[in-house]
Amino acid sequence: MQPTVSWHREEYDALGVDFRRRGAMLDEHLAAWKALWGPSPATYRGRRFDELEVVGGLRPTFPDADGPASLAQAAEAIPAQRAEGYTSFCFNPAQYVRTREEVPALCRELVARAADWG
């Protein structure tokens, strides 16, 4: 997912949205994502959103300053999420490895973990 705003004024005009507010709208979307992707349950209220709430569900994992994100951390919650009815798991290998050569090992680890998810 890549947050972005359009440069094309006509798109905003067609939707009745003030083109000059696009930066502020993106800022609020990013603030909402940050709040809602945190620990569950999570709530966000803002200028454009009356109230957004997320309980349970998938949360993203991110690389940190020390290196790639932890696949173990990302996969930790999957068995419980599957029990709640979630059936998919998507990931971006670039979040978990530093080089292209590490991707096959990452995939082997993911397949091995998936075998335990039932």
N, C-alpha and C. Protein backbone atom coordinates (compact mmCIF):
# COMPACT_ATOMS: atom_id res chain seq x y z
N MET A 1 0.85 -1.15 0.00
CA MET A 1 0.00 0.00 0.00
C MET A 1 0.90 1.23 0.00
N GLN A 2 0.58 2.15 -0.85
CA GLN A 2 1.37 3.38 -0.91
C GLN A 2 0.42 4.58 -0.85
N PRO A 3 0.45 5.30 0.27
CA PRO A 3 -0.41 6.48 0.35
C PRO A 3 0.08 7.56 -0.60
N THR A 4 -0.86 8.20 -1.24
CA THR A 4 -0.49 9.24 -2.21
C THR A 4 -1.67 10.18 -2.43
N VAL A 5 -1.41 11.30 -3.04
CA VAL A 5 -2.46 12.22 -3.48
C VAL A 5 -2.28 12.46 -4.96
N SER A 6 -3.36 12.74 -5.63
CA SER A 6 -3.30 12.98 -7.07
C SER A 6 -2.88 14.41 -7.36
N TRP A 7 -2.26 14.60 -8.50
CA TRP A 7 -1.87 15.92 -8.96
C TRP A 7 -2.94 16.49 -9.90
N HIS A 8 -3.93 15.67 -10.23
CA HIS A 8 -4.89 16.01 -11.28
C HIS A 8 -6.12 16.70 -10.68
N ARG A 9 -6.18 18.00 -10.81
CA ARG A 9 -7.25 18.81 -10.21
C ARG A 9 -8.63 18.32 -10.65
N GLU A 10 -8.77 17.89 -11.89
CA GLU A 10 -10.09 17.47 -12.41
C GLU A 10 -10.66 16.29 -11.63
N GLU A 11 -9.82 15.41 -11.11
CA GLU A 11 -10.31 14.29 -10.30
C GLU A 11 -11.01 14.82 -9.05
N TYR A 12 -10.42 15.80 -8.42
CA TYR A 12 -11.00 16.38 -7.22
C TYR A 12 -12.29 17.14 -7.56
N ASP A 13 -12.26 17.89 -8.65
CA ASP A 13 -13.45 18.62 -9.08
C ASP A 13 -14.62 17.66 -9.33
N ALA A 14 -14.34 16.52 -9.96
CA ALA A 14 -15.39 15.54 -10.27
C ALA A 14 -16.02 14.98 -9.00
N LEU A 15 -15.25 14.93 -7.91
CA LEU A 15 -15.76 14.40 -6.64
C LEU A 15 -16.27 15.50 -5.70
N GLY A 16 -16.11 16.75 -6.13
CA GLY A 16 -16.55 17.85 -5.27
C GLY A 16 -15.64 18.07 -4.08
N VAL A 17 -14.36 17.73 -4.21
CA VAL A 17 -13.39 17.85 -3.12
C VAL A 17 -12.43 18.99 -3.44
N ASP A 18 -12.14 19.81 -2.45
CA ASP A 18 -11.24 20.94 -2.62
C ASP A 18 -9.81 20.45 -2.87
N PHE A 19 -9.30 20.70 -4.06
CA PHE A 19 -7.97 20.27 -4.48
C PHE A 19 -6.89 20.77 -3.51
N ARG A 20 -7.08 21.97 -2.95
CA ARG A 20 -6.08 22.56 -2.05
C ARG A 20 -5.99 21.83 -0.71
N ARG A 21 -6.97 20.99 -0.39
CA ARG A 21 -7.00 20.28 0.90
C ARG A 21 -6.38 18.88 0.81
N ARG A 22 -5.87 18.50 -0.36
CA ARG A 22 -5.41 17.12 -0.54
C ARG A 22 -4.27 16.74 0.40
N GLY A 23 -3.37 17.66 0.68
CA GLY A 23 -2.28 17.37 1.62
C GLY A 23 -2.80 17.13 3.03
N ALA A 24 -3.74 17.96 3.47
CA ALA A 24 -4.32 17.79 4.81
C ALA A 24 -5.11 16.49 4.89
N MET A 25 -5.80 16.13 3.79
CA MET A 25 -6.55 14.86 3.79
C MET A 25 -5.59 13.67 3.89
N LEU A 26 -4.47 13.72 3.18
CA LEU A 26 -3.49 12.65 3.27
C LEU A 26 -2.92 12.57 4.69
N ASP A 27 -2.61 13.71 5.29
CA ASP A 27 -2.10 13.71 6.66
C ASP A 27 -3.08 13.02 7.61
N GLU A 28 -4.38 13.30 7.43
CA GLU A 28 -5.36 12.68 8.32
C GLU A 28 -5.48 11.18 8.04
N HIS A 29 -5.42 10.77 6.78
CA HIS A 29 -5.46 9.34 6.47
C HIS A 29 -4.28 8.62 7.11
N LEU A 30 -3.09 9.22 7.03
CA LEU A 30 -1.92 8.60 7.64
C LEU A 30 -2.06 8.51 9.15
N ALA A 31 -2.60 9.55 9.78
CA ALA A 31 -2.81 9.52 11.23
C ALA A 31 -3.82 8.43 11.60
N ALA A 32 -4.86 8.27 10.79
CA ALA A 32 -5.86 7.23 11.06
C ALA A 32 -5.23 5.85 10.92
N TRP A 33 -4.46 5.63 9.85
CA TRP A 33 -3.82 4.32 9.67
C TRP A 33 -2.89 4.01 10.83
N LYS A 34 -2.12 5.00 11.24
CA LYS A 34 -1.18 4.78 12.35
C LYS A 34 -1.93 4.36 13.61
N ALA A 35 -3.03 5.03 13.91
CA ALA A 35 -3.81 4.70 15.10
C ALA A 35 -4.47 3.33 14.97
N LEU A 36 -5.06 3.06 13.82
CA LEU A 36 -5.83 1.83 13.65
C LEU A 36 -4.96 0.60 13.45
N TRP A 37 -3.72 0.79 13.05
CA TRP A 37 -2.81 -0.34 12.89
C TRP A 37 -2.06 -0.63 14.19
N GLY A 38 -2.39 0.08 15.25
CA GLY A 38 -1.74 -0.16 16.53
C GLY A 38 -2.43 -1.30 17.27
N PRO A 39 -2.18 -1.38 18.56
CA PRO A 39 -2.80 -2.45 19.35
C PRO A 39 -4.32 -2.40 19.27
N SER A 40 -4.94 -3.57 19.34
CA SER A 40 -6.40 -3.68 19.25
C SER A 40 -6.99 -3.69 20.66
N PRO A 41 -8.14 -3.11 20.87
CA PRO A 41 -8.95 -2.34 19.93
C PRO A 41 -8.36 -0.94 19.72
N ALA A 42 -8.64 -0.37 18.57
CA ALA A 42 -8.11 0.95 18.23
C ALA A 42 -9.24 1.82 17.69
N THR A 43 -9.19 3.10 18.03
CA THR A 43 -10.20 4.05 17.59
C THR A 43 -9.51 5.30 17.07
N TYR A 44 -10.12 5.91 16.05
CA TYR A 44 -9.61 7.18 15.53
C TYR A 44 -10.78 8.10 15.27
N ARG A 45 -10.66 9.35 15.72
CA ARG A 45 -11.62 10.40 15.40
C ARG A 45 -10.83 11.56 14.81
N GLY A 46 -11.36 12.15 13.76
CA GLY A 46 -10.65 13.26 13.14
C GLY A 46 -11.60 14.21 12.45
N ARG A 47 -11.03 15.11 11.70
CA ARG A 47 -11.84 16.13 11.01
C ARG A 47 -12.77 15.50 9.97
N ARG A 48 -12.26 14.53 9.22
CA ARG A 48 -13.03 13.91 8.15
C ARG A 48 -13.67 12.59 8.56
N PHE A 49 -13.31 12.07 9.73
CA PHE A 49 -13.84 10.79 10.19
C PHE A 49 -14.52 11.00 11.53
N ASP A 50 -15.80 10.65 11.62
CA ASP A 50 -16.50 10.77 12.91
C ASP A 50 -15.89 9.81 13.92
N GLU A 51 -15.82 8.54 13.55
CA GLU A 51 -15.19 7.55 14.42
C GLU A 51 -14.90 6.30 13.61
N LEU A 52 -13.67 5.86 13.67
CA LEU A 52 -13.27 4.61 13.06
C LEU A 52 -12.80 3.69 14.18
N GLU A 53 -13.18 2.44 14.12
CA GLU A 53 -12.78 1.51 15.17
C GLU A 53 -12.38 0.18 14.54
N VAL A 54 -11.32 -0.39 15.05
CA VAL A 54 -10.86 -1.70 14.61
C VAL A 54 -10.68 -2.56 15.85
N VAL A 55 -11.28 -3.74 15.83
CA VAL A 55 -11.11 -4.70 16.91
C VAL A 55 -10.61 -5.99 16.28
N GLY A 56 -9.48 -6.48 16.76
CA GLY A 56 -8.91 -7.70 16.19
C GLY A 56 -8.38 -7.45 14.80
N GLY A 57 -8.22 -8.52 14.05
CA GLY A 57 -7.81 -8.40 12.67
C GLY A 57 -6.31 -8.31 12.49
N LEU A 58 -5.93 -8.25 11.24
CA LEU A 58 -4.52 -8.26 10.87
C LEU A 58 -3.89 -6.90 11.11
N ARG A 59 -2.65 -6.92 11.51
CA ARG A 59 -1.88 -5.70 11.69
C ARG A 59 -0.60 -5.82 10.87
N PRO A 60 -0.16 -4.73 10.26
CA PRO A 60 1.09 -4.79 9.51
C PRO A 60 2.29 -4.83 10.43
N THR A 61 3.39 -5.33 9.91
CA THR A 61 4.67 -5.23 10.61
C THR A 61 5.58 -4.40 9.73
N PHE A 62 6.45 -3.66 10.36
CA PHE A 62 7.30 -2.74 9.63
C PHE A 62 8.76 -2.96 9.98
N PRO A 63 9.64 -2.70 9.03
CA PRO A 63 11.07 -2.70 9.36
C PRO A 63 11.33 -1.60 10.39
N ASP A 64 12.39 -1.76 11.15
CA ASP A 64 12.76 -0.69 12.07
C ASP A 64 14.17 -0.20 11.71
N ALA A 65 14.68 0.69 12.50
CA ALA A 65 15.99 1.29 12.20
C ALA A 65 17.10 0.25 12.23
N ASP A 66 16.88 -0.86 12.94
CA ASP A 66 17.93 -1.88 13.06
C ASP A 66 17.91 -2.89 11.94
N GLY A 67 16.87 -2.89 11.10
CA GLY A 67 16.85 -3.86 10.01
C GLY A 67 15.44 -4.25 9.64
N PRO A 68 15.31 -5.36 8.90
CA PRO A 68 14.00 -5.79 8.40
C PRO A 68 13.04 -6.15 9.52
N ALA A 69 11.76 -6.17 9.18
CA ALA A 69 10.73 -6.60 10.13
C ALA A 69 10.91 -8.08 10.42
N SER A 70 10.34 -8.52 11.51
CA SER A 70 10.44 -9.91 11.92
C SER A 70 9.28 -10.72 11.35
N LEU A 71 9.60 -11.73 10.54
CA LEU A 71 8.55 -12.62 10.03
C LEU A 71 7.90 -13.37 11.19
N ALA A 72 8.70 -13.74 12.18
CA ALA A 72 8.15 -14.44 13.34
C ALA A 72 7.09 -13.57 14.03
N GLN A 73 7.37 -12.29 14.17
CA GLN A 73 6.41 -11.38 14.79
C GLN A 73 5.15 -11.26 13.94
N ALA A 74 5.33 -11.14 12.62
CA ALA A 74 4.18 -11.01 11.73
C ALA A 74 3.32 -12.26 11.75
N ALA A 75 3.95 -13.43 11.83
CA ALA A 75 3.23 -14.70 11.75
C ALA A 75 2.65 -15.14 13.09
N GLU A 76 3.09 -14.53 14.16
CA GLU A 76 2.69 -14.94 15.51
C GLU A 76 1.18 -14.97 15.71
N ALA A 77 0.49 -13.99 15.18
CA ALA A 77 -0.96 -13.87 15.42
C ALA A 77 -1.81 -14.64 14.42
N ILE A 78 -1.21 -15.20 13.39
CA ILE A 78 -2.00 -15.81 12.32
C ILE A 78 -2.87 -16.97 12.79
N PRO A 79 -2.39 -17.91 13.61
CA PRO A 79 -3.29 -19.00 14.03
C PRO A 79 -4.56 -18.50 14.71
N ALA A 80 -4.44 -17.52 15.59
CA ALA A 80 -5.63 -16.98 16.26
C ALA A 80 -6.53 -16.26 15.26
N GLN A 81 -5.93 -15.55 14.31
CA GLN A 81 -6.73 -14.85 13.31
C GLN A 81 -7.46 -15.84 12.41
N ARG A 82 -6.82 -16.94 12.06
CA ARG A 82 -7.49 -17.97 11.26
C ARG A 82 -8.67 -18.54 12.03
N ALA A 83 -8.51 -18.72 13.33
CA ALA A 83 -9.60 -19.23 14.15
C ALA A 83 -10.78 -18.27 14.18
N GLU A 84 -10.50 -16.96 14.00
CA GLU A 84 -11.56 -15.95 13.96
C GLU A 84 -12.17 -15.82 12.58
N GLY A 85 -11.65 -16.56 11.59
CA GLY A 85 -12.23 -16.53 10.26
C GLY A 85 -11.43 -15.81 9.21
N TYR A 86 -10.29 -15.21 9.58
CA TYR A 86 -9.43 -14.59 8.57
C TYR A 86 -8.72 -15.69 7.81
N THR A 87 -8.66 -15.57 6.49
CA THR A 87 -8.10 -16.67 5.70
C THR A 87 -6.92 -16.28 4.84
N SER A 88 -6.52 -15.04 4.85
CA SER A 88 -5.42 -14.65 3.97
C SER A 88 -4.27 -14.06 4.75
N PHE A 89 -3.12 -14.15 4.15
CA PHE A 89 -1.92 -13.56 4.71
C PHE A 89 -1.09 -13.05 3.55
N CYS A 90 -0.83 -11.78 3.50
CA CYS A 90 -0.02 -11.19 2.44
C CYS A 90 1.19 -10.53 3.06
N PHE A 91 2.28 -10.57 2.35
CA PHE A 91 3.46 -9.87 2.86
C PHE A 91 4.31 -9.40 1.70
N ASN A 92 5.11 -8.43 1.98
CA ASN A 92 6.04 -7.87 1.02
C ASN A 92 7.43 -8.33 1.43
N PRO A 93 8.07 -9.21 0.65
CA PRO A 93 9.39 -9.72 1.06
C PRO A 93 10.38 -8.61 1.41
N ALA A 94 10.27 -7.46 0.77
CA ALA A 94 11.22 -6.38 1.04
C ALA A 94 11.15 -5.89 2.48
N GLN A 95 10.04 -6.19 3.17
CA GLN A 95 9.94 -5.79 4.57
C GLN A 95 10.76 -6.72 5.47
N TYR A 96 11.08 -7.91 4.99
CA TYR A 96 11.67 -8.93 5.86
C TYR A 96 13.09 -9.32 5.49
N VAL A 97 13.57 -8.92 4.34
CA VAL A 97 14.93 -9.25 3.93
C VAL A 97 15.62 -8.01 3.37
N ARG A 98 16.92 -8.05 3.38
CA ARG A 98 17.68 -6.91 2.86
C ARG A 98 18.11 -7.09 1.41
N THR A 99 18.25 -8.37 0.98
CA THR A 99 18.72 -8.62 -0.38
C THR A 99 17.81 -9.62 -1.09
N ARG A 100 17.83 -9.58 -2.37
CA ARG A 100 17.04 -10.50 -3.20
C ARG A 100 17.45 -11.96 -2.93
N GLU A 101 18.71 -12.19 -2.64
CA GLU A 101 19.21 -13.53 -2.40
C GLU A 101 18.59 -14.16 -1.15
N GLU A 102 18.08 -13.36 -0.23
CA GLU A 102 17.47 -13.87 1.00
C GLU A 102 16.01 -14.30 0.82
N VAL A 103 15.39 -13.96 -0.31
CA VAL A 103 13.97 -14.25 -0.53
C VAL A 103 13.66 -15.75 -0.49
N PRO A 104 14.44 -16.63 -1.15
CA PRO A 104 14.10 -18.06 -1.08
C PRO A 104 14.06 -18.60 0.35
N ALA A 105 15.01 -18.20 1.18
CA ALA A 105 15.01 -18.66 2.57
C ALA A 105 13.79 -18.12 3.32
N LEU A 106 13.42 -16.88 3.04
CA LEU A 106 12.22 -16.31 3.65
C LEU A 106 10.99 -17.12 3.26
N CYS A 107 10.88 -17.47 1.99
CA CYS A 107 9.74 -18.25 1.52
C CYS A 107 9.71 -19.63 2.17
N ARG A 108 10.86 -20.26 2.30
CA ARG A 108 10.91 -21.57 2.98
C ARG A 108 10.45 -21.45 4.43
N GLU A 109 10.89 -20.38 5.10
CA GLU A 109 10.47 -20.17 6.49
C GLU A 109 8.96 -19.96 6.57
N LEU A 110 8.42 -19.18 5.66
CA LEU A 110 6.97 -18.93 5.64
C LEU A 110 6.19 -20.21 5.41
N VAL A 111 6.64 -21.03 4.47
CA VAL A 111 5.95 -22.30 4.20
C VAL A 111 6.03 -23.21 5.42
N ALA A 112 7.16 -23.26 6.07
CA ALA A 112 7.32 -24.08 7.27
C ALA A 112 6.38 -23.60 8.39
N ARG A 113 6.29 -22.31 8.56
CA ARG A 113 5.37 -21.78 9.58
C ARG A 113 3.92 -22.06 9.22
N ALA A 114 3.59 -21.93 7.94
CA ALA A 114 2.21 -22.16 7.50
C ALA A 114 1.76 -23.59 7.76
N ALA A 115 2.68 -24.53 7.71
CA ALA A 115 2.34 -25.92 7.99
C ALA A 115 1.79 -26.08 9.40
N ASP A 116 2.23 -25.23 10.31
CA ASP A 116 1.78 -25.30 11.71
C ASP A 116 0.44 -24.61 11.93
N TRP A 117 -0.03 -23.84 10.93
CA TRP A 117 -1.27 -23.08 11.10
C TRP A 117 -2.51 -23.93 10.88
N GLY A 118 -2.34 -25.10 10.31
CA GLY A 118 -3.46 -26.03 10.11
C GLY A 118 -4.38 -25.68 9.06
